[in-house]
Amino acid sequence: TIYHKLEAIEKKDIIEWNYKKSLLNQYNDSES
């Protein structure tokens, strides 16, 4: 009841997302 198993991602729901890198995109791995 407390812990939920994450659903598997179907192939149709995997998207390649093109973007232009910005200076701080990969600067840290914080959740924020």
PDB file of all heavy atoms in Angstrom:
ATOM      1  N   THR A   1       0.834  -1.206   0.000  1.00  0.00           N
ATOM      2  CA  THR A   1       0.000   0.000   0.000  1.00  0.00           C
ATOM      3  C   THR A   1       0.863   1.248   0.000  1.00  0.00           C
ATOM      4  O   THR A   1       0.513   2.261  -0.608  1.00  0.00           O
ATOM      5  CB  THR A   1      -0.932   0.017   1.229  1.00  0.00           C
ATOM      6  OG1 THR A   1      -1.722  -1.168   1.234  1.00  0.00           O
ATOM      7  CG2 THR A   1      -1.856   1.225   1.219  1.00  0.00           C
ATOM      8  N   ILE A   2       2.021   1.169   0.652  1.00  0.00           N
ATOM      9  CA  ILE A   2       2.903   2.334   0.795  1.00  0.00           C
ATOM     10  C   ILE A   2       3.872   2.475  -0.378  1.00  0.00           C
ATOM     11  O   ILE A   2       4.176   3.576  -0.822  1.00  0.00           O
ATOM     12  CB  ILE A   2       3.706   2.245   2.115  1.00  0.00           C
ATOM     13  CG1 ILE A   2       2.750   2.217   3.310  1.00  0.00           C
ATOM     14  CG2 ILE A   2       4.678   3.410   2.245  1.00  0.00           C
ATOM     15  CD1 ILE A   2       1.948   3.474   3.495  1.00  0.00           C
ATOM     16  N   TYR A   3       4.361   1.346  -0.898  1.00  0.00           N
ATOM     17  CA  TYR A   3       5.365   1.385  -1.960  1.00  0.00           C
ATOM     18  C   TYR A   3       4.764   0.899  -3.278  1.00  0.00           C
ATOM     19  O   TYR A   3       4.160  -0.168  -3.345  1.00  0.00           O
ATOM     20  CB  TYR A   3       6.586   0.542  -1.579  1.00  0.00           C
ATOM     21  CG  TYR A   3       7.329   1.133  -0.409  1.00  0.00           C
ATOM     22  CD1 TYR A   3       7.047   0.726   0.892  1.00  0.00           C
ATOM     23  CD2 TYR A   3       8.270   2.142  -0.592  1.00  0.00           C
ATOM     24  CE1 TYR A   3       7.693   1.292   1.978  1.00  0.00           C
ATOM     25  CE2 TYR A   3       8.928   2.709   0.478  1.00  0.00           C
ATOM     26  CZ  TYR A   3       8.633   2.289   1.772  1.00  0.00           C
ATOM     27  OH  TYR A   3       9.269   2.862   2.838  1.00  0.00           O
ATOM     28  N   HIS A   4       4.962   1.705  -4.318  1.00  0.00           N
ATOM     29  CA  HIS A   4       4.376   1.404  -5.632  1.00  0.00           C
ATOM     30  C   HIS A   4       5.483   1.049  -6.619  1.00  0.00           C
ATOM     31  O   HIS A   4       6.465   1.787  -6.773  1.00  0.00           O
ATOM     32  CB  HIS A   4       3.601   2.617  -6.143  1.00  0.00           C
ATOM     33  CG  HIS A   4       2.995   2.410  -7.489  1.00  0.00           C
ATOM     34  ND1 HIS A   4       1.825   1.707  -7.687  1.00  0.00           N
ATOM     35  CD2 HIS A   4       3.411   2.797  -8.728  1.00  0.00           C
ATOM     36  CE1 HIS A   4       1.535   1.672  -8.971  1.00  0.00           C
ATOM     37  NE2 HIS A   4       2.484   2.325  -9.624  1.00  0.00           N
ATOM     38  N   LYS A   5       5.323  -0.069  -7.305  1.00  0.00           N
ATOM     39  CA  LYS A   5       6.284  -0.481  -8.323  1.00  0.00           C
ATOM     40  C   LYS A   5       6.089   0.345  -9.588  1.00  0.00           C
ATOM     41  O   LYS A   5       4.979   0.442 -10.116  1.00  0.00           O
ATOM     42  CB  LYS A   5       6.107  -1.974  -8.636  1.00  0.00           C
ATOM     43  CG  LYS A   5       7.112  -2.515  -9.632  1.00  0.00           C
ATOM     44  CD  LYS A   5       6.887  -3.996  -9.888  1.00  0.00           C
ATOM     45  CE  LYS A   5       7.875  -4.533 -10.913  1.00  0.00           C
ATOM     46  NZ  LYS A   5       7.648  -5.975 -11.187  1.00  0.00           N
ATOM     47  N   LEU A   6       7.180   0.929 -10.072  1.00  0.00           N
ATOM     48  CA  LEU A   6       7.104   1.755 -11.278  1.00  0.00           C
ATOM     49  C   LEU A   6       6.798   0.908 -12.507  1.00  0.00           C
ATOM     50  O   LEU A   6       7.380  -0.163 -12.703  1.00  0.00           O
ATOM     51  CB  LEU A   6       8.420   2.505 -11.481  1.00  0.00           C
ATOM     52  CG  LEU A   6       8.665   3.661 -10.493  1.00  0.00           C
ATOM     53  CD1 LEU A   6      10.139   4.052 -10.496  1.00  0.00           C
ATOM     54  CD2 LEU A   6       7.785   4.849 -10.815  1.00  0.00           C
ATOM     55  N   GLU A   7       5.894   1.408 -13.321  1.00  0.00           N
ATOM     56  CA  GLU A   7       5.489   0.699 -14.531  1.00  0.00           C
ATOM     57  C   GLU A   7       6.608   0.727 -15.579  1.00  0.00           C
ATOM     58  O   GLU A   7       7.349   1.705 -15.687  1.00  0.00           O
ATOM     59  CB  GLU A   7       4.227   1.338 -15.126  1.00  0.00           C
ATOM     60  CG  GLU A   7       2.964   1.117 -14.323  1.00  0.00           C
ATOM     61  CD  GLU A   7       2.854   1.983 -13.078  1.00  0.00           C
ATOM     62  OE1 GLU A   7       3.684   2.905 -12.922  1.00  0.00           O
ATOM     63  OE2 GLU A   7       1.939   1.753 -12.268  1.00  0.00           O
ATOM     64  N   ALA A   8       6.718  -0.369 -16.347  1.00  0.00           N
ATOM     65  CA  ALA A   8       7.685  -0.419 -17.438  1.00  0.00           C
ATOM     66  C   ALA A   8       7.277   0.575 -18.535  1.00  0.00           C
ATOM     67  O   ALA A   8       6.089   0.822 -18.751  1.00  0.00           O
ATOM     68  CB  ALA A   8       7.754  -1.833 -18.008  1.00  0.00           C
ATOM     69  N   ILE A   9       8.270   1.145 -19.203  1.00  0.00           N
ATOM     70  CA  ILE A   9       8.008   2.099 -20.279  1.00  0.00           C
ATOM     71  C   ILE A   9       7.906   1.342 -21.601  1.00  0.00           C
ATOM     72  O   ILE A   9       8.822   0.614 -21.988  1.00  0.00           O
ATOM     73  CB  ILE A   9       9.123   3.161 -20.371  1.00  0.00           C
ATOM     74  CG1 ILE A   9       9.368   3.822 -19.012  1.00  0.00           C
ATOM     75  CG2 ILE A   9       8.765   4.210 -21.433  1.00  0.00           C
ATOM     76  CD1 ILE A   9       8.180   4.554 -18.451  1.00  0.00           C
ATOM     77  N   GLU A  10       6.798   1.519 -22.303  1.00  0.00           N
ATOM     78  CA  GLU A  10       6.621   0.859 -23.594  1.00  0.00           C
ATOM     79  C   GLU A  10       7.444   1.567 -24.668  1.00  0.00           C
ATOM     80  O   GLU A  10       7.730   2.771 -24.568  1.00  0.00           O
ATOM     81  CB  GLU A  10       5.144   0.864 -23.976  1.00  0.00           C
ATOM     82  CG  GLU A  10       4.264   0.061 -23.018  1.00  0.00           C
ATOM     83  CD  GLU A  10       2.818   0.002 -23.477  1.00  0.00           C
ATOM     84  OE1 GLU A  10       2.582   0.156 -24.694  1.00  0.00           O
ATOM     85  OE2 GLU A  10       1.948  -0.198 -22.619  1.00  0.00           O
ATOM     86  N   LYS A  11       7.817   0.811 -25.684  1.00  0.00           N
ATOM     87  CA  LYS A  11       8.673   1.349 -26.736  1.00  0.00           C
ATOM     88  C   LYS A  11       8.068   2.582 -27.399  1.00  0.00           C
ATOM     89  O   LYS A  11       8.767   3.536 -27.742  1.00  0.00           O
ATOM     90  CB  LYS A  11       8.933   0.259 -27.779  1.00  0.00           C
ATOM     91  CG  LYS A  11       9.989   0.627 -28.811  1.00  0.00           C
ATOM     92  CD  LYS A  11      10.325  -0.543 -29.713  1.00  0.00           C
ATOM     93  CE  LYS A  11      11.421  -0.159 -30.701  1.00  0.00           C
ATOM     94  NZ  LYS A  11      11.768  -1.303 -31.595  1.00  0.00           N
ATOM     95  N   LYS A  12       6.753   2.580 -27.584  1.00  0.00           N
ATOM     96  CA  LYS A  12       6.082   3.713 -28.236  1.00  0.00           C
ATOM     97  C   LYS A  12       6.149   4.989 -27.402  1.00  0.00           C
ATOM     98  O   LYS A  12       5.901   6.092 -27.902  1.00  0.00           O
ATOM     99  CB  LYS A  12       4.624   3.357 -28.519  1.00  0.00           C
ATOM    100  CG  LYS A  12       3.762   3.178 -27.286  1.00  0.00           C
ATOM    101  CD  LYS A  12       2.334   2.846 -27.647  1.00  0.00           C
ATOM    102  CE  LYS A  12       1.475   2.629 -26.413  1.00  0.00           C
ATOM    103  NZ  LYS A  12       1.362   3.826 -25.569  1.00  0.00           N
ATOM    104  N   ASP A  13       6.475   4.841 -26.111  1.00  0.00           N
ATOM    105  CA  ASP A  13       6.527   5.992 -25.214  1.00  0.00           C
ATOM    106  C   ASP A  13       7.954   6.452 -24.933  1.00  0.00           C
ATOM    107  O   ASP A  13       8.200   7.187 -23.979  1.00  0.00           O
ATOM    108  CB  ASP A  13       5.821   5.657 -23.888  1.00  0.00           C
ATOM    109  CG  ASP A  13       4.332   5.436 -24.080  1.00  0.00           C
ATOM    110  OD1 ASP A  13       3.736   6.176 -24.876  1.00  0.00           O
ATOM    111  OD2 ASP A  13       3.774   4.530 -23.441  1.00  0.00           O
ATOM    112  N   ILE A  14       8.901   6.004 -25.772  1.00  0.00           N
ATOM    113  CA  ILE A  14      10.288   6.466 -25.669  1.00  0.00           C
ATOM    114  C   ILE A  14      10.525   7.479 -26.782  1.00  0.00           C
ATOM    115  O   ILE A  14      10.310   7.190 -27.965  1.00  0.00           O
ATOM    116  CB  ILE A  14      11.277   5.293 -25.775  1.00  0.00           C
ATOM    117  CG1 ILE A  14      11.029   4.303 -24.627  1.00  0.00           C
ATOM    118  CG2 ILE A  14      12.716   5.802 -25.747  1.00  0.00           C
ATOM    119  CD1 ILE A  14      11.871   3.044 -24.716  1.00  0.00           C
ATOM    120  N   ILE A  15      10.950   8.678 -26.386  1.00  0.00           N
ATOM    121  CA  ILE A  15      11.042   9.803 -27.321  1.00  0.00           C
ATOM    122  C   ILE A  15      12.468  10.338 -27.352  1.00  0.00           C
ATOM    123  O   ILE A  15      13.081  10.547 -26.296  1.00  0.00           O
ATOM    124  CB  ILE A  15      10.087  10.941 -26.881  1.00  0.00           C
ATOM    125  CG1 ILE A  15       8.637  10.436 -26.863  1.00  0.00           C
ATOM    126  CG2 ILE A  15      10.236  12.165 -27.778  1.00  0.00           C
ATOM    127  CD1 ILE A  15       7.700  11.368 -26.135  1.00  0.00           C
ATOM    128  N   GLU A  16      13.003  10.554 -28.545  1.00  0.00           N
ATOM    129  CA  GLU A  16      14.272  11.266 -28.668  1.00  0.00           C
ATOM    130  C   GLU A  16      13.966  12.758 -28.697  1.00  0.00           C
ATOM    131  O   GLU A  16      13.210  13.224 -29.553  1.00  0.00           O
ATOM    132  CB  GLU A  16      15.018  10.835 -29.931  1.00  0.00           C
ATOM    133  CG  GLU A  16      15.569   9.432 -29.844  1.00  0.00           C
ATOM    134  CD  GLU A  16      16.502   9.089 -30.994  1.00  0.00           C
ATOM    135  OE1 GLU A  16      16.599   9.907 -31.949  1.00  0.00           O
ATOM    136  OE2 GLU A  16      17.132   8.018 -30.942  1.00  0.00           O
ATOM    137  N   TRP A  17      14.558  13.483 -27.754  1.00  0.00           N
ATOM    138  CA  TRP A  17      14.238  14.900 -27.564  1.00  0.00           C
ATOM    139  C   TRP A  17      15.468  15.734 -27.909  1.00  0.00           C
ATOM    140  O   TRP A  17      16.431  15.797 -27.144  1.00  0.00           O
ATOM    141  CB  TRP A  17      13.808  15.133 -26.114  1.00  0.00           C
ATOM    142  CG  TRP A  17      13.172  16.468 -25.864  1.00  0.00           C
ATOM    143  CD1 TRP A  17      13.771  17.588 -25.378  1.00  0.00           C
ATOM    144  CD2 TRP A  17      11.788  16.807 -26.064  1.00  0.00           C
ATOM    145  NE1 TRP A  17      12.872  18.616 -25.265  1.00  0.00           N
ATOM    146  CE2 TRP A  17      11.636  18.162 -25.679  1.00  0.00           C
ATOM    147  CE3 TRP A  17      10.672  16.119 -26.525  1.00  0.00           C
ATOM    148  CZ2 TRP A  17      10.411  18.826 -25.733  1.00  0.00           C
ATOM    149  CZ3 TRP A  17       9.460  16.771 -26.597  1.00  0.00           C
ATOM    150  CH2 TRP A  17       9.337  18.107 -26.199  1.00  0.00           C
ATOM    151  N   ASN A  18      15.450  16.345 -29.085  1.00  0.00           N
ATOM    152  CA  ASN A  18      16.571  17.176 -29.505  1.00  0.00           C
ATOM    153  C   ASN A  18      16.575  18.494 -28.747  1.00  0.00           C
ATOM    154  O   ASN A  18      15.523  19.103 -28.551  1.00  0.00           O
ATOM    155  CB  ASN A  18      16.492  17.449 -31.011  1.00  0.00           C
ATOM    156  CG  ASN A  18      16.693  16.188 -31.826  1.00  0.00           C
ATOM    157  OD1 ASN A  18      17.463  15.319 -31.449  1.00  0.00           O
ATOM    158  ND2 ASN A  18      15.983  16.085 -32.943  1.00  0.00           N
ATOM    159  N   TYR A  19      17.758  18.909 -28.347  1.00  0.00           N
ATOM    160  CA  TYR A  19      17.848  20.177 -27.630  1.00  0.00           C
ATOM    161  C   TYR A  19      19.237  20.783 -27.815  1.00  0.00           C
ATOM    162  O   TYR A  19      20.186  20.087 -28.176  1.00  0.00           O
ATOM    163  CB  TYR A  19      17.553  19.978 -26.147  1.00  0.00           C
ATOM    164  CG  TYR A  19      18.692  19.383 -25.331  1.00  0.00           C
ATOM    165  CD1 TYR A  19      19.390  20.150 -24.398  1.00  0.00           C
ATOM    166  CD2 TYR A  19      19.065  18.058 -25.502  1.00  0.00           C
ATOM    167  CE1 TYR A  19      20.415  19.606 -23.665  1.00  0.00           C
ATOM    168  CE2 TYR A  19      20.088  17.502 -24.757  1.00  0.00           C
ATOM    169  CZ  TYR A  19      20.766  18.287 -23.845  1.00  0.00           C
ATOM    170  OH  TYR A  19      21.795  17.749 -23.116  1.00  0.00           O
ATOM    171  N   LYS A  20      19.301  22.059 -27.580  1.00  0.00           N
ATOM    172  CA  LYS A  20      20.574  22.766 -27.628  1.00  0.00           C
ATOM    173  C   LYS A  20      21.116  22.882 -26.213  1.00  0.00           C
ATOM    174  O   LYS A  20      20.448  23.418 -25.333  1.00  0.00           O
ATOM    175  CB  LYS A  20      20.390  24.159 -28.247  1.00  0.00           C
ATOM    176  CG  LYS A  20      21.690  24.920 -28.414  1.00  0.00           C
ATOM    177  CD  LYS A  20      21.462  26.265 -29.105  1.00  0.00           C
ATOM    178  CE  LYS A  20      22.779  27.016 -29.263  1.00  0.00           C
ATOM    179  NZ  LYS A  20      22.586  28.333 -29.925  1.00  0.00           N
ATOM    180  N   LYS A  21      22.321  22.361 -26.007  1.00  0.00           N
ATOM    181  CA  LYS A  21      22.908  22.384 -24.675  1.00  0.00           C
ATOM    182  C   LYS A  21      23.067  23.812 -24.187  1.00  0.00           C
ATOM    183  O   LYS A  21      23.425  24.710 -24.941  1.00  0.00           O
ATOM    184  CB  LYS A  21      24.279  21.712 -24.684  1.00  0.00           C
ATOM    185  CG  LYS A  21      24.245  20.206 -24.511  1.00  0.00           C
ATOM    186  CD  LYS A  21      25.662  19.672 -24.355  1.00  0.00           C
ATOM    187  CE  LYS A  21      25.657  18.181 -24.116  1.00  0.00           C
ATOM    188  NZ  LYS A  21      27.031  17.651 -23.968  1.00  0.00           N
ATOM    189  N   SER A  22      22.803  23.984 -22.902  1.00  0.00           N
ATOM    190  CA  SER A  22      23.099  25.278 -22.286  1.00  0.00           C
ATOM    191  C   SER A  22      24.193  25.091 -21.242  1.00  0.00           C
ATOM    192  O   SER A  22      24.532  23.963 -20.874  1.00  0.00           O
ATOM    193  CB  SER A  22      21.839  25.881 -21.649  1.00  0.00           C
ATOM    194  OG  SER A  22      21.347  25.039 -20.627  1.00  0.00           O
ATOM    195  N   LEU A  23      24.733  26.166 -20.757  1.00  0.00           N
ATOM    196  CA  LEU A  23      25.932  26.142 -19.914  1.00  0.00           C
ATOM    197  C   LEU A  23      25.775  25.289 -18.665  1.00  0.00           C
ATOM    198  O   LEU A  23      26.677  24.538 -18.293  1.00  0.00           O
ATOM    199  CB  LEU A  23      26.290  27.580 -19.522  1.00  0.00           C
ATOM    200  CG  LEU A  23      27.560  27.771 -18.685  1.00  0.00           C
ATOM    201  CD1 LEU A  23      28.786  27.325 -19.473  1.00  0.00           C
ATOM    202  CD2 LEU A  23      27.692  29.233 -18.265  1.00  0.00           C
ATOM    203  N   LEU A  24      24.609  25.348 -18.013  1.00  0.00           N
ATOM    204  CA  LEU A  24      24.450  24.708 -16.710  1.00  0.00           C
ATOM    205  C   LEU A  24      23.669  23.394 -16.740  1.00  0.00           C
ATOM    206  O   LEU A  24      23.399  22.818 -15.691  1.00  0.00           O
ATOM    207  CB  LEU A  24      23.748  25.683 -15.744  1.00  0.00           C
ATOM    208  CG  LEU A  24      24.464  27.009 -15.495  1.00  0.00           C
ATOM    209  CD1 LEU A  24      23.670  27.864 -14.508  1.00  0.00           C
ATOM    210  CD2 LEU A  24      25.877  26.782 -14.958  1.00  0.00           C
ATOM    211  N   ASN A  25      23.346  22.904 -17.944  1.00  0.00           N
ATOM    212  CA  ASN A  25      22.516  21.695 -18.027  1.00  0.00           C
ATOM    213  C   ASN A  25      23.086  20.513 -17.258  1.00  0.00           C
ATOM    214  O   ASN A  25      22.363  19.803 -16.568  1.00  0.00           O
ATOM    215  CB  ASN A  25      22.339  21.283 -19.493  1.00  0.00           C
ATOM    216  CG  ASN A  25      21.109  21.921 -20.096  1.00  0.00           C
ATOM    217  OD1 ASN A  25      20.441  22.728 -19.475  1.00  0.00           O
ATOM    218  ND2 ASN A  25      20.824  21.569 -21.341  1.00  0.00           N
ATOM    219  N   GLN A  26      24.373  20.256 -17.408  1.00  0.00           N
ATOM    220  CA  GLN A  26      24.983  19.083 -16.785  1.00  0.00           C
ATOM    221  C   GLN A  26      25.914  19.464 -15.634  1.00  0.00           C
ATOM    222  O   GLN A  26      26.746  18.661 -15.210  1.00  0.00           O
ATOM    223  CB  GLN A  26      25.781  18.302 -17.845  1.00  0.00           C
ATOM    224  CG  GLN A  26      24.995  17.942 -19.084  1.00  0.00           C
ATOM    225  CD  GLN A  26      23.901  16.928 -18.810  1.00  0.00           C
ATOM    226  OE1 GLN A  26      23.980  16.172 -17.854  1.00  0.00           O
ATOM    227  NE2 GLN A  26      22.884  16.910 -19.651  1.00  0.00           N
ATOM    228  N   TYR A  27      25.752  20.683 -15.103  1.00  0.00           N
ATOM    229  CA  TYR A  27      26.708  21.147 -14.094  1.00  0.00           C
ATOM    230  C   TYR A  27      26.597  20.366 -12.793  1.00  0.00           C
ATOM    231  O   TYR A  27      27.582  20.124 -12.121  1.00  0.00           O
ATOM    232  CB  TYR A  27      26.514  22.651 -13.833  1.00  0.00           C
ATOM    233  CG  TYR A  27      27.574  23.209 -12.910  1.00  0.00           C
ATOM    234  CD1 TYR A  27      28.902  23.243 -13.313  1.00  0.00           C
ATOM    235  CD2 TYR A  27      27.249  23.686 -11.644  1.00  0.00           C
ATOM    236  CE1 TYR A  27      29.884  23.741 -12.472  1.00  0.00           C
ATOM    237  CE2 TYR A  27      28.216  24.188 -10.801  1.00  0.00           C
ATOM    238  CZ  TYR A  27      29.536  24.210 -11.222  1.00  0.00           C
ATOM    239  OH  TYR A  27      30.501  24.693 -10.392  1.00  0.00           O
ATOM    240  N   ASN A  28      25.392  19.965 -12.403  1.00  0.00           N
ATOM    241  CA  ASN A  28      25.251  19.118 -11.217  1.00  0.00           C
ATOM    242  C   ASN A  28      24.077  18.170 -11.408  1.00  0.00           C
ATOM    243  O   ASN A  28      23.258  18.342 -12.305  1.00  0.00           O
ATOM    244  CB  ASN A  28      25.094  19.954  -9.942  1.00  0.00           C
ATOM    245  CG  ASN A  28      23.790  20.717  -9.888  1.00  0.00           C
ATOM    246  OD1 ASN A  28      22.728  20.128  -9.716  1.00  0.00           O
ATOM    247  ND2 ASN A  28      23.855  22.040 -10.036  1.00  0.00           N
ATOM    248  N   ASP A  29      24.028  17.159 -10.551  1.00  0.00           N
ATOM    249  CA  ASP A  29      23.015  16.121 -10.667  1.00  0.00           C
ATOM    250  C   ASP A  29      21.920  16.253  -9.610  1.00  0.00           C
ATOM    251  O   ASP A  29      21.226  15.280  -9.314  1.00  0.00           O
ATOM    252  CB  ASP A  29      23.659  14.729 -10.533  1.00  0.00           C
ATOM    253  CG  ASP A  29      24.551  14.401 -11.720  1.00  0.00           C
ATOM    254  OD1 ASP A  29      24.320  14.968 -12.808  1.00  0.00           O
ATOM    255  OD2 ASP A  29      25.472  13.588 -11.556  1.00  0.00           O
ATOM    256  N   SER A  30      21.764  17.427  -9.038  1.00  0.00           N
ATOM    257  CA  SER A  30      20.751  17.610  -7.995  1.00  0.00           C
ATOM    258  C   SER A  30      19.352  17.446  -8.581  1.00  0.00           C
ATOM    259  O   SER A  30      19.131  17.627  -9.780  1.00  0.00           O
ATOM    260  CB  SER A  30      20.876  18.990  -7.359  1.00  0.00           C
ATOM    261  OG  SER A  30      20.505  19.996  -8.287  1.00  0.00           O
ATOM    262  N   GLU A  31      18.398  17.090  -7.709  1.00  0.00           N
ATOM    263  CA  GLU A  31      17.013  16.957  -8.160  1.00  0.00           C
ATOM    264  C   GLU A  31      16.486  18.282  -8.689  1.00  0.00           C
ATOM    265  O   GLU A  31      15.729  18.327  -9.661  1.00  0.00           O
ATOM    266  CB  GLU A  31      16.160  16.435  -7.006  1.00  0.00           C
ATOM    267  CG  GLU A  31      16.523  15.007  -6.617  1.00  0.00           C
ATOM    268  CD  GLU A  31      15.981  14.591  -5.267  1.00  0.00           C
ATOM    269  OE1 GLU A  31      15.292  15.411  -4.636  1.00  0.00           O
ATOM    270  OE2 GLU A  31      16.244  13.460  -4.847  1.00  0.00           O
ATOM    271  N   SER A  32      16.908  19.376  -8.063  1.00  0.00           N
ATOM    272  CA  SER A  32      16.471  20.691  -8.510  1.00  0.00           C
ATOM    273  C   SER A  32      16.973  20.979  -9.928  1.00  0.00           C
ATOM    274  O   SER A  32      16.235  21.510 -10.769  1.00  0.00           O
ATOM    275  CB  SER A  32      16.992  21.763  -7.543  1.00  0.00           C
ATOM    276  OG  SER A  32      16.630  23.052  -7.978  1.00  0.00           O
TER     277      SER A  32
END
